[in-house]
Every structure is written in C-alpha cells, then in structure tokens.
C-alpha cells in the first residue's frame, strides 16, 4: 500500500469522526454560520481524503499527495478551528490551504498527462 493511500484512509477516518462530532455534538452549540463553515471544512476534508486514496492507488508517490495533505490540514483545519473556537485570525490562512488543493490537482493532472503521453509513445 502506498503512503498516499494510507494517509488518505487515515484522513478519511478522521473526517468521519470530525463530521459526526459536528453533526451531533455541535449542532445545538454553534450558530448557522459556524455550522456552515464546519460543513465546508468537512466536505473538503472528505473530498481530498478520497483524492489521496485514488492518487495512492494509481501508484503515484509524487508531490500532489503532499499538497492534498497540507490542504486538508491548513484549509479544513483552519475552518474547523474558526467554526468551533472562533479563531477568526486563522481565516487568513484558509486560502493557502485552498491554493494547496489547487496545486495538488494540477500536479495530479500533469502527472497523469505525462504518464498517458509516455504510454502512447511506447505503443505507437
């Protein structure tokens, strides 16, 4: 099992735990805005956990996995803390996590493109 798959599985398990905590324990403690922020963090946490799992299953061990992981920690982590603890200053780093998600997807696409091009040149 590739490290990205393992890390993605751990992140996905954490997303389930954190999402359940938000849905059950926090629904009466947070306002609508905070619940919306928490929900956004949870969704992006899940999406990019699955991206890591897929990336690992491709046999990839490039930098896209690192950027997906950092994106989860910075983007989702800052939003979780913003929603639950009101740490509004962390909102300033949230876009950095979003940028890391974008970089991860671009690197993943470039890697897939390069791999496709190499396979096509071998079969031609």
N, C-alpha and C. Protein backbone atom coordinates (compact mmCIF):
# COMPACT_ATOMS: atom_id res chain seq x y z
N UNK A 1 0.86 -1.19 0.00
CA UNK A 1 0.00 0.00 0.00
C UNK A 1 0.89 1.24 0.00
N UNK A 2 0.60 2.14 -0.89
CA UNK A 2 1.37 3.38 -0.97
C UNK A 2 1.05 4.27 0.23
N UNK A 3 2.01 5.11 0.59
CA UNK A 3 1.80 6.04 1.70
C UNK A 3 0.61 6.96 1.48
N UNK A 4 0.41 7.42 0.25
CA UNK A 4 -0.72 8.31 -0.01
C UNK A 4 -2.05 7.63 0.27
N UNK A 5 -2.16 6.35 -0.06
CA UNK A 5 -3.39 5.61 0.22
C UNK A 5 -3.59 5.50 1.72
N UNK A 6 -2.55 5.15 2.43
CA UNK A 6 -2.63 5.03 3.89
C UNK A 6 -3.00 6.37 4.53
N UNK A 7 -2.32 7.42 4.13
CA UNK A 7 -2.60 8.75 4.69
C UNK A 7 -4.03 9.17 4.35
N UNK A 8 -4.46 8.90 3.12
CA UNK A 8 -5.83 9.22 2.72
C UNK A 8 -6.86 8.48 3.55
N UNK A 9 -6.59 7.21 3.86
CA UNK A 9 -7.51 6.43 4.70
C UNK A 9 -7.58 7.00 6.11
N UNK A 10 -6.44 7.39 6.66
CA UNK A 10 -6.42 7.99 8.00
C UNK A 10 -7.19 9.32 7.98
N UNK A 11 -6.94 10.14 6.98
CA UNK A 11 -7.67 11.41 6.87
C UNK A 11 -9.18 11.17 6.71
N UNK A 12 -9.56 10.16 5.93
CA UNK A 12 -10.98 9.86 5.73
C UNK A 12 -11.63 9.42 7.04
N UNK A 13 -10.93 8.57 7.80
CA UNK A 13 -11.46 8.15 9.10
C UNK A 13 -11.64 9.35 10.03
N UNK A 14 -10.65 10.23 10.04
CA UNK A 14 -10.77 11.46 10.85
C UNK A 14 -11.92 12.33 10.37
N UNK A 15 -12.14 12.38 9.06
CA UNK A 15 -13.25 13.18 8.53
C UNK A 15 -14.59 12.64 9.01
N UNK A 16 -14.71 11.31 9.10
CA UNK A 16 -15.95 10.71 9.61
C UNK A 16 -16.15 11.10 11.07
N UNK A 17 -15.09 10.96 11.86
CA UNK A 17 -15.18 11.29 13.29
C UNK A 17 -15.52 12.77 13.48
N UNK A 18 -14.78 13.63 12.80
CA UNK A 18 -14.99 15.08 12.96
C UNK A 18 -16.36 15.48 12.41
N UNK A 19 -16.76 14.91 11.27
CA UNK A 19 -18.07 15.22 10.70
C UNK A 19 -19.21 14.78 11.61
N UNK A 20 -19.08 13.60 12.21
CA UNK A 20 -20.11 13.12 13.14
C UNK A 20 -20.16 14.01 14.38
N UNK A 21 -18.99 14.40 14.87
CA UNK A 21 -18.94 15.31 16.01
C UNK A 21 -19.66 16.62 15.69
N UNK A 22 -19.39 17.15 14.51
CA UNK A 22 -20.04 18.40 14.10
C UNK A 22 -21.54 18.25 13.95
N UNK A 23 -21.96 17.13 13.36
CA UNK A 23 -23.39 16.94 13.10
C UNK A 23 -24.19 16.69 14.37
N UNK A 24 -23.56 16.07 15.36
CA UNK A 24 -24.30 15.68 16.56
C UNK A 24 -23.99 16.57 17.76
N UNK A 25 -22.72 16.71 18.09
CA UNK A 25 -22.35 17.43 19.32
C UNK A 25 -22.40 18.94 19.16
N UNK A 26 -22.20 19.43 17.94
CA UNK A 26 -22.11 20.88 17.76
C UNK A 26 -23.38 21.53 17.23
N UNK A 27 -24.33 20.74 16.75
CA UNK A 27 -25.48 21.35 16.07
C UNK A 27 -26.29 22.28 16.97
N UNK A 28 -26.28 22.04 18.27
CA UNK A 28 -27.01 22.93 19.19
C UNK A 28 -26.11 23.98 19.83
N UNK A 29 -24.80 23.89 19.57
CA UNK A 29 -23.85 24.81 20.21
C UNK A 29 -23.33 25.90 19.28
N UNK A 30 -23.45 25.67 17.98
CA UNK A 30 -22.95 26.64 17.01
C UNK A 30 -24.11 27.29 16.27
N UNK A 31 -23.87 28.51 15.82
CA UNK A 31 -24.86 29.21 15.02
C UNK A 31 -24.86 28.70 13.59
N UNK A 32 -25.81 29.15 12.78
CA UNK A 32 -25.90 28.71 11.39
C UNK A 32 -24.63 28.99 10.57
N UNK A 33 -24.02 30.16 10.77
CA UNK A 33 -22.80 30.49 10.03
C UNK A 33 -21.67 29.52 10.39
N UNK A 34 -21.47 29.29 11.69
CA UNK A 34 -20.40 28.40 12.14
C UNK A 34 -20.63 26.97 11.65
N UNK A 35 -21.90 26.52 11.68
CA UNK A 35 -22.20 25.17 11.18
C UNK A 35 -21.93 25.07 9.68
N UNK A 36 -22.20 26.13 8.95
CA UNK A 36 -21.92 26.15 7.52
C UNK A 36 -20.41 26.08 7.26
N UNK A 37 -19.65 26.83 8.03
CA UNK A 37 -18.18 26.81 7.91
C UNK A 37 -17.66 25.41 8.24
N UNK A 38 -18.17 24.82 9.31
CA UNK A 38 -17.76 23.48 9.72
C UNK A 38 -18.10 22.46 8.62
N UNK A 39 -19.27 22.60 8.03
CA UNK A 39 -19.70 21.70 6.96
C UNK A 39 -18.79 21.83 5.74
N UNK A 40 -18.41 23.04 5.39
CA UNK A 40 -17.49 23.26 4.27
C UNK A 40 -16.15 22.58 4.55
N UNK A 41 -15.63 22.75 5.76
CA UNK A 41 -14.37 22.11 6.13
C UNK A 41 -14.47 20.60 6.00
N UNK A 42 -15.57 20.05 6.48
CA UNK A 42 -15.78 18.60 6.45
C UNK A 42 -15.86 18.08 5.01
N UNK A 43 -16.57 18.79 4.15
CA UNK A 43 -16.69 18.36 2.75
C UNK A 43 -15.34 18.33 2.05
N UNK A 44 -14.59 19.42 2.18
CA UNK A 44 -13.28 19.46 1.53
C UNK A 44 -12.32 18.45 2.13
N UNK A 45 -12.45 18.18 3.43
CA UNK A 45 -11.65 17.17 4.11
C UNK A 45 -11.93 15.81 3.46
N UNK A 46 -13.22 15.47 3.29
CA UNK A 46 -13.58 14.20 2.66
C UNK A 46 -13.10 14.13 1.21
N UNK A 47 -13.40 15.16 0.43
CA UNK A 47 -13.03 15.13 -0.99
C UNK A 47 -11.55 14.85 -1.18
N UNK A 48 -10.74 15.51 -0.40
CA UNK A 48 -9.30 15.40 -0.61
C UNK A 48 -8.70 14.17 0.07
N UNK A 49 -9.41 13.61 1.04
CA UNK A 49 -9.02 12.30 1.57
C UNK A 49 -9.17 11.26 0.46
N UNK A 50 -10.30 11.32 -0.25
CA UNK A 50 -10.53 10.39 -1.36
C UNK A 50 -9.55 10.63 -2.50
N UNK A 51 -9.20 11.89 -2.73
CA UNK A 51 -8.19 12.19 -3.76
C UNK A 51 -6.87 11.52 -3.41
N UNK A 52 -6.49 11.57 -2.14
CA UNK A 52 -5.24 10.92 -1.71
C UNK A 52 -5.31 9.41 -1.91
N UNK A 53 -6.46 8.82 -1.58
CA UNK A 53 -6.62 7.37 -1.75
C UNK A 53 -6.49 7.00 -3.23
N UNK A 54 -7.18 7.73 -4.09
CA UNK A 54 -7.10 7.46 -5.53
C UNK A 54 -5.69 7.68 -6.06
N UNK A 55 -5.07 8.73 -5.60
CA UNK A 55 -3.71 9.04 -6.02
C UNK A 55 -2.76 7.90 -5.64
N UNK A 56 -2.92 7.40 -4.43
CA UNK A 56 -2.09 6.28 -3.99
C UNK A 56 -2.37 5.01 -4.78
N UNK A 57 -3.63 4.76 -5.11
CA UNK A 57 -3.99 3.56 -5.88
C UNK A 57 -3.45 3.61 -7.30
N UNK A 58 -3.21 4.78 -7.81
CA UNK A 58 -2.58 4.91 -9.13
C UNK A 58 -1.12 4.50 -9.07
N UNK A 59 -0.60 4.35 -7.88
CA UNK A 59 0.81 4.06 -7.74
C UNK A 59 1.65 5.32 -7.70
N UNK A 60 0.99 6.43 -7.52
CA UNK A 60 1.68 7.72 -7.52
C UNK A 60 2.26 8.02 -6.14
N UNK A 61 3.43 8.56 -6.16
CA UNK A 61 4.04 8.98 -4.89
C UNK A 61 4.64 10.39 -5.03
N UNK A 62 4.13 11.14 -5.99
CA UNK A 62 4.64 12.48 -6.25
C UNK A 62 4.16 13.50 -5.25
N UNK A 63 4.39 14.75 -5.58
CA UNK A 63 4.11 15.85 -4.66
C UNK A 63 2.63 16.21 -4.54
N UNK A 64 1.79 15.76 -5.45
CA UNK A 64 0.36 16.08 -5.35
C UNK A 64 -0.19 15.60 -4.01
N UNK A 65 0.22 14.43 -3.57
CA UNK A 65 -0.24 13.90 -2.29
C UNK A 65 0.14 14.80 -1.13
N UNK A 66 1.33 15.35 -1.18
CA UNK A 66 1.77 16.28 -0.14
C UNK A 66 0.88 17.52 -0.12
N UNK A 67 0.58 18.05 -1.30
CA UNK A 67 -0.25 19.25 -1.36
C UNK A 67 -1.69 18.97 -0.93
N UNK A 68 -2.22 17.78 -1.27
CA UNK A 68 -3.56 17.42 -0.78
C UNK A 68 -3.55 17.35 0.75
N UNK A 69 -2.52 16.73 1.31
CA UNK A 69 -2.43 16.60 2.77
C UNK A 69 -2.31 17.96 3.45
N UNK A 70 -1.43 18.79 2.94
CA UNK A 70 -1.27 20.13 3.51
C UNK A 70 -2.55 20.95 3.36
N UNK A 71 -3.24 20.77 2.24
CA UNK A 71 -4.50 21.46 2.03
C UNK A 71 -5.54 21.06 3.07
N UNK A 72 -5.63 19.76 3.36
CA UNK A 72 -6.57 19.29 4.38
C UNK A 72 -6.24 19.92 5.72
N UNK A 73 -4.97 19.88 6.08
CA UNK A 73 -4.56 20.40 7.39
C UNK A 73 -4.81 21.90 7.48
N UNK A 74 -4.40 22.64 6.46
CA UNK A 74 -4.50 24.11 6.53
C UNK A 74 -5.91 24.60 6.23
N UNK A 75 -6.51 24.14 5.12
CA UNK A 75 -7.84 24.63 4.75
C UNK A 75 -8.89 24.13 5.74
N UNK A 76 -9.03 22.82 5.82
CA UNK A 76 -10.08 22.28 6.70
C UNK A 76 -9.77 22.55 8.16
N UNK A 77 -8.51 22.39 8.54
CA UNK A 77 -8.14 22.62 9.94
C UNK A 77 -8.43 24.04 10.39
N UNK A 78 -8.09 25.01 9.56
CA UNK A 78 -8.36 26.40 9.95
C UNK A 78 -9.86 26.68 10.03
N UNK A 79 -10.63 26.08 9.12
CA UNK A 79 -12.08 26.28 9.17
C UNK A 79 -12.71 25.58 10.37
N UNK A 80 -12.21 24.39 10.72
CA UNK A 80 -12.72 23.71 11.92
C UNK A 80 -12.49 24.59 13.15
N UNK A 81 -11.28 25.14 13.25
CA UNK A 81 -10.96 25.99 14.41
C UNK A 81 -11.72 27.31 14.38
N UNK A 82 -11.90 27.86 13.21
CA UNK A 82 -12.69 29.09 13.08
C UNK A 82 -14.13 28.86 13.54
N UNK A 83 -14.71 27.74 13.10
CA UNK A 83 -16.11 27.44 13.43
C UNK A 83 -16.30 27.11 14.91
N UNK A 84 -15.37 26.34 15.48
CA UNK A 84 -15.59 25.86 16.85
C UNK A 84 -15.03 26.78 17.93
N UNK A 85 -13.92 27.43 17.65
CA UNK A 85 -13.27 28.26 18.67
C UNK A 85 -13.34 29.75 18.36
N UNK A 86 -13.86 30.09 17.20
CA UNK A 86 -13.96 31.49 16.82
C UNK A 86 -12.63 32.16 16.53
N UNK A 87 -11.63 31.36 16.17
CA UNK A 87 -10.30 31.91 15.87
C UNK A 87 -10.30 32.54 14.48
N UNK A 88 -10.82 33.74 14.40
CA UNK A 88 -11.01 34.41 13.10
C UNK A 88 -9.69 34.72 12.40
N UNK A 89 -8.63 34.89 13.15
CA UNK A 89 -7.33 35.17 12.52
C UNK A 89 -6.88 34.01 11.63
N UNK A 90 -7.32 32.80 11.96
CA UNK A 90 -6.96 31.65 11.14
C UNK A 90 -7.61 31.71 9.76
N UNK A 91 -8.67 32.49 9.64
CA UNK A 91 -9.31 32.65 8.34
C UNK A 91 -8.36 33.19 7.29
N UNK A 92 -7.32 33.87 7.74
CA UNK A 92 -6.34 34.44 6.81
C UNK A 92 -5.49 33.35 6.14
N UNK A 93 -5.32 32.20 6.78
CA UNK A 93 -4.51 31.14 6.17
C UNK A 93 -5.35 30.13 5.38
N UNK A 94 -6.66 30.19 5.54
CA UNK A 94 -7.53 29.25 4.83
C UNK A 94 -7.28 29.26 3.32
N UNK A 95 -7.15 30.42 2.67
CA UNK A 95 -6.89 30.41 1.22
C UNK A 95 -5.58 29.73 0.83
N UNK A 96 -4.61 29.71 1.73
CA UNK A 96 -3.36 29.00 1.44
C UNK A 96 -3.65 27.51 1.30
N UNK A 97 -4.48 26.99 2.18
CA UNK A 97 -4.89 25.59 2.07
C UNK A 97 -5.64 25.33 0.77
N UNK A 98 -6.51 26.27 0.38
CA UNK A 98 -7.22 26.15 -0.89
C UNK A 98 -6.27 26.15 -2.07
N UNK A 99 -5.25 27.00 -2.00
CA UNK A 99 -4.23 27.04 -3.04
C UNK A 99 -3.48 25.70 -3.11
N UNK A 100 -3.20 25.11 -1.96
CA UNK A 100 -2.54 23.80 -1.94
C UNK A 100 -3.41 22.73 -2.59
N UNK A 101 -4.74 22.80 -2.37
CA UNK A 101 -5.63 21.86 -3.06
C UNK A 101 -5.49 22.02 -4.57
N UNK A 102 -5.52 23.25 -5.04
CA UNK A 102 -5.42 23.52 -6.48
C UNK A 102 -4.09 23.02 -7.02
N UNK A 103 -3.00 23.30 -6.32
CA UNK A 103 -1.68 22.83 -6.76
C UNK A 103 -1.67 21.31 -6.82
N UNK A 104 -2.26 20.66 -5.82
CA UNK A 104 -2.34 19.20 -5.82
C UNK A 104 -3.05 18.66 -7.05
N UNK A 105 -4.19 19.26 -7.40
CA UNK A 105 -4.93 18.81 -8.57
C UNK A 105 -4.15 19.06 -9.86
N UNK A 106 -3.49 20.20 -9.96
CA UNK A 106 -2.70 20.50 -11.16
C UNK A 106 -1.54 19.51 -11.30
N UNK A 107 -0.85 19.24 -10.20
CA UNK A 107 0.25 18.27 -10.24
C UNK A 107 -0.25 16.88 -10.61
N UNK A 108 -1.39 16.49 -10.05
CA UNK A 108 -2.01 15.20 -10.37
C UNK A 108 -2.31 15.13 -11.87
N UNK A 109 -2.91 16.18 -12.41
CA UNK A 109 -3.25 16.21 -13.84
C UNK A 109 -2.00 16.15 -14.71
N UNK A 110 -0.97 16.90 -14.34
CA UNK A 110 0.27 16.88 -15.12
C UNK A 110 0.92 15.50 -15.09
N UNK A 111 0.89 14.87 -13.94
CA UNK A 111 1.45 13.53 -13.81
C UNK A 111 0.67 12.54 -14.68
N UNK A 112 -0.65 12.62 -14.65
CA UNK A 112 -1.49 11.73 -15.46
C UNK A 112 -1.25 11.99 -16.96
N UNK A 113 -1.14 13.25 -17.33
CA UNK A 113 -0.89 13.61 -18.73
C UNK A 113 0.45 13.05 -19.19
N UNK A 114 1.47 13.23 -18.37
CA UNK A 114 2.81 12.75 -18.72
C UNK A 114 2.80 11.23 -18.85
N UNK A 115 2.14 10.56 -17.92
CA UNK A 115 2.06 9.10 -17.96
C UNK A 115 1.33 8.63 -19.22
N UNK A 116 0.23 9.29 -19.57
CA UNK A 116 -0.52 8.96 -20.78
C UNK A 116 0.33 9.16 -22.02
N UNK A 117 1.03 10.26 -22.06
CA UNK A 117 1.88 10.57 -23.22
C UNK A 117 2.97 9.53 -23.38
N UNK A 118 3.57 9.11 -22.26
CA UNK A 118 4.62 8.09 -22.31
C UNK A 118 4.07 6.75 -22.78
N UNK A 119 2.87 6.38 -22.30
CA UNK A 119 2.25 5.12 -22.73
C UNK A 119 1.92 5.15 -24.21
N UNK A 120 1.42 6.29 -24.69
CA UNK A 120 1.06 6.41 -26.10
C UNK A 120 2.29 6.38 -27.00
N UNK A 121 3.41 6.93 -26.54
CA UNK A 121 4.62 6.93 -27.37
C UNK A 121 5.24 5.54 -27.42
N UNK A 122 5.04 4.73 -26.39
CA UNK A 122 5.57 3.36 -26.37
C UNK A 122 4.75 2.46 -27.29
N UNK A 123 3.42 2.65 -27.31
CA UNK A 123 2.55 1.80 -28.12
C UNK A 123 2.50 2.22 -29.58
N UNK A 124 3.00 3.40 -29.91
CA UNK A 124 2.95 3.88 -31.31
C UNK A 124 4.06 3.32 -32.14
